């Protein structure tokens, strides 16, 4: 699995958990809600970082190709 696919995977899971923690109104303990919320933010951050790294590598490869 490349960084590109893995980045989208982490971002998708993070967004789903974020939507779950924000829009699902279940009687959750504040600690459980906080854990889901923080983990969703971390997964989204990891996904974005992986996509930025992939973009940087592609730009670097393109510059070497054109030089």
PDB file of N, CA and C in Angstrom:
ATOM      1  N   UNK A   1       0.855  -1.178   0.000  1.00  0.00           N
ATOM      2  CA  UNK A   1       0.000   0.000   0.000  1.00  0.00           C
ATOM      3  C   UNK A   1       0.900   1.240   0.000  1.00  0.00           C
ATOM      4  N   UNK A   2       0.701   2.107  -0.956  1.00  0.00           N
ATOM      5  CA  UNK A   2       1.539   3.292  -1.059  1.00  0.00           C
ATOM      6  C   UNK A   2       1.091   4.369  -0.067  1.00  0.00           C
ATOM      7  N   UNK A   3       1.922   5.387   0.056  1.00  0.00           N
ATOM      8  CA  UNK A   3       1.582   6.504   0.941  1.00  0.00           C
ATOM      9  C   UNK A   3       0.285   7.157   0.503  1.00  0.00           C
ATOM     10  N   UNK A   4       0.064   7.203  -0.793  1.00  0.00           N
ATOM     11  CA  UNK A   4      -1.117   7.843  -1.347  1.00  0.00           C
ATOM     12  C   UNK A   4      -2.389   7.140  -0.866  1.00  0.00           C
ATOM     13  N   UNK A   5      -2.421   5.818  -1.009  1.00  0.00           N
ATOM     14  CA  UNK A   5      -3.605   5.062  -0.602  1.00  0.00           C
ATOM     15  C   UNK A   5      -3.738   5.025   0.918  1.00  0.00           C
ATOM     16  N   UNK A   6      -2.606   4.867   1.607  1.00  0.00           N
ATOM     17  CA  UNK A   6      -2.637   4.822   3.059  1.00  0.00           C
ATOM     18  C   UNK A   6      -3.089   6.168   3.632  1.00  0.00           C
ATOM     19  N   UNK A   7      -2.670   7.270   3.004  1.00  0.00           N
ATOM     20  CA  UNK A   7      -3.096   8.591   3.456  1.00  0.00           C
ATOM     21  C   UNK A   7      -4.594   8.778   3.332  1.00  0.00           C
ATOM     22  N   UNK A   8      -5.144   8.363   2.199  1.00  0.00           N
ATOM     23  CA  UNK A   8      -6.596   8.453   2.031  1.00  0.00           C
ATOM     24  C   UNK A   8      -7.337   7.538   3.000  1.00  0.00           C
ATOM     25  N   UNK A   9      -6.767   6.354   3.274  1.00  0.00           N
ATOM     26  CA  UNK A   9      -7.393   5.428   4.206  1.00  0.00           C
ATOM     27  C   UNK A   9      -7.462   6.033   5.611  1.00  0.00           C
ATOM     28  N   UNK A  10      -6.334   6.567   6.101  1.00  0.00           N
ATOM     29  CA  UNK A  10      -6.323   7.179   7.424  1.00  0.00           C
ATOM     30  C   UNK A  10      -7.264   8.380   7.485  1.00  0.00           C
ATOM     31  N   UNK A  11      -7.280   9.174   6.432  1.00  0.00           N
ATOM     32  CA  UNK A  11      -8.150  10.343   6.393  1.00  0.00           C
ATOM     33  C   UNK A  11      -9.619   9.936   6.400  1.00  0.00           C
ATOM     34  N   UNK A  12      -9.971   8.910   5.656  1.00  0.00           N
ATOM     35  CA  UNK A  12     -11.350   8.434   5.617  1.00  0.00           C
ATOM     36  C   UNK A  12     -11.797   7.911   6.982  1.00  0.00           C
ATOM     37  N   UNK A  13     -10.973   7.087   7.613  1.00  0.00           N
ATOM     38  CA  UNK A  13     -11.316   6.550   8.930  1.00  0.00           C
ATOM     39  C   UNK A  13     -11.428   7.682   9.946  1.00  0.00           C
ATOM     40  N   UNK A  14     -10.526   8.651   9.880  1.00  0.00           N
ATOM     41  CA  UNK A  14     -10.583   9.790  10.792  1.00  0.00           C
ATOM     42  C   UNK A  14     -11.843  10.618  10.608  1.00  0.00           C
ATOM     43  N   UNK A  15     -12.233  10.836   9.365  1.00  0.00           N
ATOM     44  CA  UNK A  15     -13.445  11.621   9.093  1.00  0.00           C
ATOM     45  C   UNK A  15     -14.685  10.870   9.561  1.00  0.00           C
ATOM     46  N   UNK A  16     -14.707   9.561   9.345  1.00  0.00           N
ATOM     47  CA  UNK A  16     -15.850   8.777   9.810  1.00  0.00           C
ATOM     48  C   UNK A  16     -15.957   8.798  11.334  1.00  0.00           C
ATOM     49  N   UNK A  17     -14.834   8.659  12.026  1.00  0.00           N
ATOM     50  CA  UNK A  17     -14.861   8.728  13.485  1.00  0.00           C
ATOM     51  C   UNK A  17     -15.251  10.123  13.972  1.00  0.00           C
ATOM     52  N   UNK A  18     -14.784  11.143  13.268  1.00  0.00           N
ATOM     53  CA  UNK A  18     -15.141  12.514  13.640  1.00  0.00           C
ATOM     54  C   UNK A  18     -16.633  12.743  13.469  1.00  0.00           C
ATOM     55  N   UNK A  19     -17.178  12.280  12.358  1.00  0.00           N
ATOM     56  CA  UNK A  19     -18.624  12.413  12.144  1.00  0.00           C
ATOM     57  C   UNK A  19     -19.396  11.613  13.186  1.00  0.00           C
ATOM     58  N   UNK A  20     -18.890  10.445  13.512  1.00  0.00           N
ATOM     59  CA  UNK A  20     -19.530   9.631  14.534  1.00  0.00           C
ATOM     60  C   UNK A  20     -19.527  10.344  15.879  1.00  0.00           C
ATOM     61  N   UNK A  21     -18.419  10.943  16.246  1.00  0.00           N
ATOM     62  CA  UNK A  21     -18.331  11.595  17.551  1.00  0.00           C
ATOM     63  C   UNK A  21     -19.134  12.890  17.611  1.00  0.00           C
ATOM     64  N   UNK A  22     -19.352  13.529  16.490  1.00  0.00           N
ATOM     65  CA  UNK A  22     -20.067  14.806  16.499  1.00  0.00           C
ATOM     66  C   UNK A  22     -21.567  14.618  16.298  1.00  0.00           C
ATOM     67  N   UNK A  23     -21.965  13.760  15.361  1.00  0.00           N
ATOM     68  CA  UNK A  23     -23.366  13.690  14.970  1.00  0.00           C
ATOM     69  C   UNK A  23     -24.176  12.589  15.645  1.00  0.00           C
ATOM     70  N   UNK A  24     -23.524  11.572  16.171  1.00  0.00           N
ATOM     71  CA  UNK A  24     -24.268  10.489  16.808  1.00  0.00           C
ATOM     72  C   UNK A  24     -24.537  10.883  18.250  1.00  0.00           C
ATOM     73  N   UNK A  25     -25.785  10.949  18.594  1.00  0.00           N
ATOM     74  CA  UNK A  25     -26.157  11.372  19.940  1.00  0.00           C
ATOM     75  C   UNK A  25     -26.548  10.150  20.761  1.00  0.00           C
ATOM     76  N   UNK A  26     -25.557   9.558  21.351  1.00  0.00           N
ATOM     77  CA  UNK A  26     -25.745   8.401  22.217  1.00  0.00           C
ATOM     78  C   UNK A  26     -25.239   8.816  23.591  1.00  0.00           C
ATOM     79  N   UNK A  27     -25.773   8.208  24.606  1.00  0.00           N
ATOM     80  CA  UNK A  27     -25.322   8.539  25.956  1.00  0.00           C
ATOM     81  C   UNK A  27     -23.930   7.965  26.188  1.00  0.00           C
ATOM     82  N   UNK A  28     -22.936   8.699  25.730  1.00  0.00           N
ATOM     83  CA  UNK A  28     -21.554   8.284  25.916  1.00  0.00           C
ATOM     84  C   UNK A  28     -20.957   9.036  27.098  1.00  0.00           C
ATOM     85  N   UNK A  29     -20.077   8.370  27.779  1.00  0.00           N
ATOM     86  CA  UNK A  29     -19.301   9.019  28.817  1.00  0.00           C
ATOM     87  C   UNK A  29     -18.423  10.083  28.157  1.00  0.00           C
ATOM     88  N   UNK A  30     -18.141  11.156  28.863  1.00  0.00           N
ATOM     89  CA  UNK A  30     -17.321  12.235  28.303  1.00  0.00           C
ATOM     90  C   UNK A  30     -15.924  11.736  27.947  1.00  0.00           C
ATOM     91  N   UNK A  31     -15.417  10.759  28.700  1.00  0.00           N
ATOM     92  CA  UNK A  31     -14.081  10.222  28.415  1.00  0.00           C
ATOM     93  C   UNK A  31     -14.099   9.378  27.145  1.00  0.00           C
ATOM     94  N   UNK A  32     -15.141   8.640  26.921  1.00  0.00           N
ATOM     95  CA  UNK A  32     -15.254   7.835  25.695  1.00  0.00           C
ATOM     96  C   UNK A  32     -15.406   8.760  24.492  1.00  0.00           C
ATOM     97  N   UNK A  33     -16.243   9.777  24.624  1.00  0.00           N
ATOM     98  CA  UNK A  33     -16.412  10.734  23.531  1.00  0.00           C
ATOM     99  C   UNK A  33     -15.097  11.447  23.244  1.00  0.00           C
ATOM    100  N   UNK A  34     -14.392  11.844  24.296  1.00  0.00           N
ATOM    101  CA  UNK A  34     -13.100  12.521  24.112  1.00  0.00           C
ATOM    102  C   UNK A  34     -12.070  11.628  23.450  1.00  0.00           C
ATOM    103  N   UNK A  35     -12.055  10.355  23.814  1.00  0.00           N
ATOM    104  CA  UNK A  35     -11.112   9.424  23.202  1.00  0.00           C
ATOM    105  C   UNK A  35     -11.415   9.239  21.718  1.00  0.00           C
ATOM    106  N   UNK A  36     -12.690   9.104  21.374  1.00  0.00           N
ATOM    107  CA  UNK A  36     -13.070   8.966  19.961  1.00  0.00           C
ATOM    108  C   UNK A  36     -12.728  10.241  19.192  1.00  0.00           C
ATOM    109  N   UNK A  37     -12.994  11.385  19.793  1.00  0.00           N
ATOM    110  CA  UNK A  37     -12.729  12.656  19.131  1.00  0.00           C
ATOM    111  C   UNK A  37     -11.233  12.859  18.905  1.00  0.00           C
ATOM    112  N   UNK A  38     -10.433  12.633  19.940  1.00  0.00           N
ATOM    113  CA  UNK A  38      -8.985  12.817  19.818  1.00  0.00           C
ATOM    114  C   UNK A  38      -8.384  11.824  18.826  1.00  0.00           C
ATOM    115  N   UNK A  39      -8.836  10.575  18.863  1.00  0.00           N
ATOM    116  CA  UNK A  39      -8.308   9.590  17.918  1.00  0.00           C
ATOM    117  C   UNK A  39      -8.698   9.949  16.483  1.00  0.00           C
ATOM    118  N   UNK A  40      -9.879  10.503  16.280  1.00  0.00           N
ATOM    119  CA  UNK A  40     -10.272  10.903  14.927  1.00  0.00           C
ATOM    120  C   UNK A  40      -9.422  12.063  14.433  1.00  0.00           C
ATOM    121  N   UNK A  41      -9.130  13.014  15.310  1.00  0.00           N
ATOM    122  CA  UNK A  41      -8.264  14.130  14.926  1.00  0.00           C
ATOM    123  C   UNK A  41      -6.861  13.627  14.598  1.00  0.00           C
ATOM    124  N   UNK A  42      -6.343  12.693  15.391  1.00  0.00           N
ATOM    125  CA  UNK A  42      -5.013  12.134  15.126  1.00  0.00           C
ATOM    126  C   UNK A  42      -4.968  11.367  13.811  1.00  0.00           C
ATOM    127  N   UNK A  43      -5.997  10.580  13.527  1.00  0.00           N
ATOM    128  CA  UNK A  43      -6.037   9.843  12.266  1.00  0.00           C
ATOM    129  C   UNK A  43      -6.127  10.782  11.067  1.00  0.00           C
ATOM    130  N   UNK A  44      -6.913  11.834  11.189  1.00  0.00           N
ATOM    131  CA  UNK A  44      -6.990  12.824  10.102  1.00  0.00           C
ATOM    132  C   UNK A  44      -5.633  13.499   9.894  1.00  0.00           C
ATOM    133  N   UNK A  45      -4.960  13.817  10.979  1.00  0.00           N
ATOM    134  CA  UNK A  45      -3.648  14.463  10.888  1.00  0.00           C
ATOM    135  C   UNK A  45      -2.629  13.535  10.228  1.00  0.00           C
ATOM    136  N   UNK A  46      -2.626  12.280  10.608  1.00  0.00           N
ATOM    137  CA  UNK A  46      -1.709  11.311   9.997  1.00  0.00           C
ATOM    138  C   UNK A  46      -2.000  11.175   8.504  1.00  0.00           C
ATOM    139  N   UNK A  47      -3.264  11.110   8.138  1.00  0.00           N
ATOM    140  CA  UNK A  47      -3.633  11.015   6.725  1.00  0.00           C
ATOM    141  C   UNK A  47      -3.187  12.220   5.925  1.00  0.00           C
ATOM    142  N   UNK A  48      -3.360  13.400   6.478  1.00  0.00           N
ATOM    143  CA  UNK A  48      -2.950  14.624   5.781  1.00  0.00           C
ATOM    144  C   UNK A  48      -1.441  14.672   5.634  1.00  0.00           C
ATOM    145  N   UNK A  49      -0.714  14.276   6.679  1.00  0.00           N
ATOM    146  CA  UNK A  49       0.745  14.270   6.602  1.00  0.00           C
ATOM    147  C   UNK A  49       1.226  13.279   5.543  1.00  0.00           C
ATOM    148  N   UNK A  50       0.632  12.100   5.493  1.00  0.00           N
ATOM    149  CA  UNK A  50       1.018  11.125   4.480  1.00  0.00           C
ATOM    150  C   UNK A  50       0.742  11.639   3.071  1.00  0.00           C
ATOM    151  N   UNK A  51      -0.383  12.314   2.886  1.00  0.00           N
ATOM    152  CA  UNK A  51      -0.686  12.868   1.559  1.00  0.00           C
ATOM    153  C   UNK A  51       0.263  13.999   1.187  1.00  0.00           C
ATOM    154  N   UNK A  52       0.669  14.816   2.145  1.00  0.00           N
ATOM    155  CA  UNK A  52       1.631  15.890   1.870  1.00  0.00           C
ATOM    156  C   UNK A  52       2.987  15.306   1.511  1.00  0.00           C
ATOM    157  N   UNK A  53       3.413  14.257   2.224  1.00  0.00           N
ATOM    158  CA  UNK A  53       4.685  13.604   1.912  1.00  0.00           C
ATOM    159  C   UNK A  53       4.644  13.007   0.508  1.00  0.00           C
ATOM    160  N   UNK A  54       3.538  12.377   0.156  1.00  0.00           N
ATOM    161  CA  UNK A  54       3.393  11.810  -1.187  1.00  0.00           C
ATOM    162  C   UNK A  54       3.454  12.911  -2.245  1.00  0.00           C
ATOM    163  N   UNK A  55       2.778  14.014  -2.004  1.00  0.00           N
ATOM    164  CA  UNK A  55       2.801  15.134  -2.941  1.00  0.00           C
ATOM    165  C   UNK A  55       4.210  15.686  -3.098  1.00  0.00           C
ATOM    166  N   UNK A  56       4.940  15.810  -1.987  1.00  0.00           N
ATOM    167  CA  UNK A  56       6.318  16.313  -2.030  1.00  0.00           C
ATOM    168  C   UNK A  56       7.200  15.386  -2.865  1.00  0.00           C
ATOM    169  N   UNK A  57       7.040  14.071  -2.666  1.00  0.00           N
ATOM    170  CA  UNK A  57       7.845  13.116  -3.430  1.00  0.00           C
ATOM    171  C   UNK A  57       7.516  13.172  -4.916  1.00  0.00           C
ATOM    172  N   UNK A  58       6.241  13.338  -5.241  1.00  0.00           N
ATOM    173  CA  UNK A  58       5.849  13.426  -6.644  1.00  0.00           C
ATOM    174  C   UNK A  58       6.383  14.698  -7.297  1.00  0.00           C
ATOM    175  N   UNK A  59       6.354  15.799  -6.579  1.00  0.00           N
ATOM    176  CA  UNK A  59       6.893  17.057  -7.113  1.00  0.00           C
ATOM    177  C   UNK A  59       8.399  16.937  -7.308  1.00  0.00           C
ATOM    178  N   UNK A  60       9.076  16.334  -6.352  1.00  0.00           N
ATOM    179  CA  UNK A  60      10.523  16.148  -6.452  1.00  0.00           C
ATOM    180  C   UNK A  60      10.868  15.254  -7.637  1.00  0.00           C
ATOM    181  N   UNK A  61      10.096  14.171  -7.839  1.00  0.00           N
ATOM    182  CA  UNK A  61      10.319  13.262  -8.958  1.00  0.00           C
ATOM    183  C   UNK A  61      10.066  13.978 -10.283  1.00  0.00           C
ATOM    184  N   UNK A  62       9.041  14.816 -10.335  1.00  0.00           N
ATOM    185  CA  UNK A  62       8.719  15.556 -11.550  1.00  0.00           C
ATOM    186  C   UNK A  62       9.804  16.568 -11.888  1.00  0.00           C
ATOM    187  N   UNK A  63      10.350  17.227 -10.866  1.00  0.00           N
ATOM    188  CA  UNK A  63      11.431  18.190 -11.107  1.00  0.00           C
ATOM    189  C   UNK A  63      12.682  17.491 -11.623  1.00  0.00           C
ATOM    190  N   UNK A  64      13.002  16.313 -11.084  1.00  0.00           N
ATOM    191  CA  UNK A  64      14.166  15.567 -11.569  1.00  0.00           C
ATOM    192  C   UNK A  64      13.946  15.072 -12.993  1.00  0.00           C
ATOM    193  N   UNK A  65      12.705  14.745 -13.307  1.00  0.00           N
ATOM    194  CA  UNK A  65      12.380  14.273 -14.650  1.00  0.00           C
ATOM    195  C   UNK A  65      12.530  15.400 -15.674  1.00  0.00           C
ATOM    196  N   UNK A  66      12.145  16.605 -15.310  1.00  0.00           N
ATOM    197  CA  UNK A  66      12.210  17.740 -16.222  1.00  0.00           C
ATOM    198  C   UNK A  66      13.603  18.350 -16.320  1.00  0.00           C
ATOM    199  N   UNK A  67      14.480  18.059 -15.382  1.00  0.00           N
ATOM    200  CA  UNK A  67      15.825  18.640 -15.401  1.00  0.00           C
ATOM    201  C   UNK A  67      16.729  17.931 -16.360  1.00  0.00           C
TER     202      UNK A  67
END
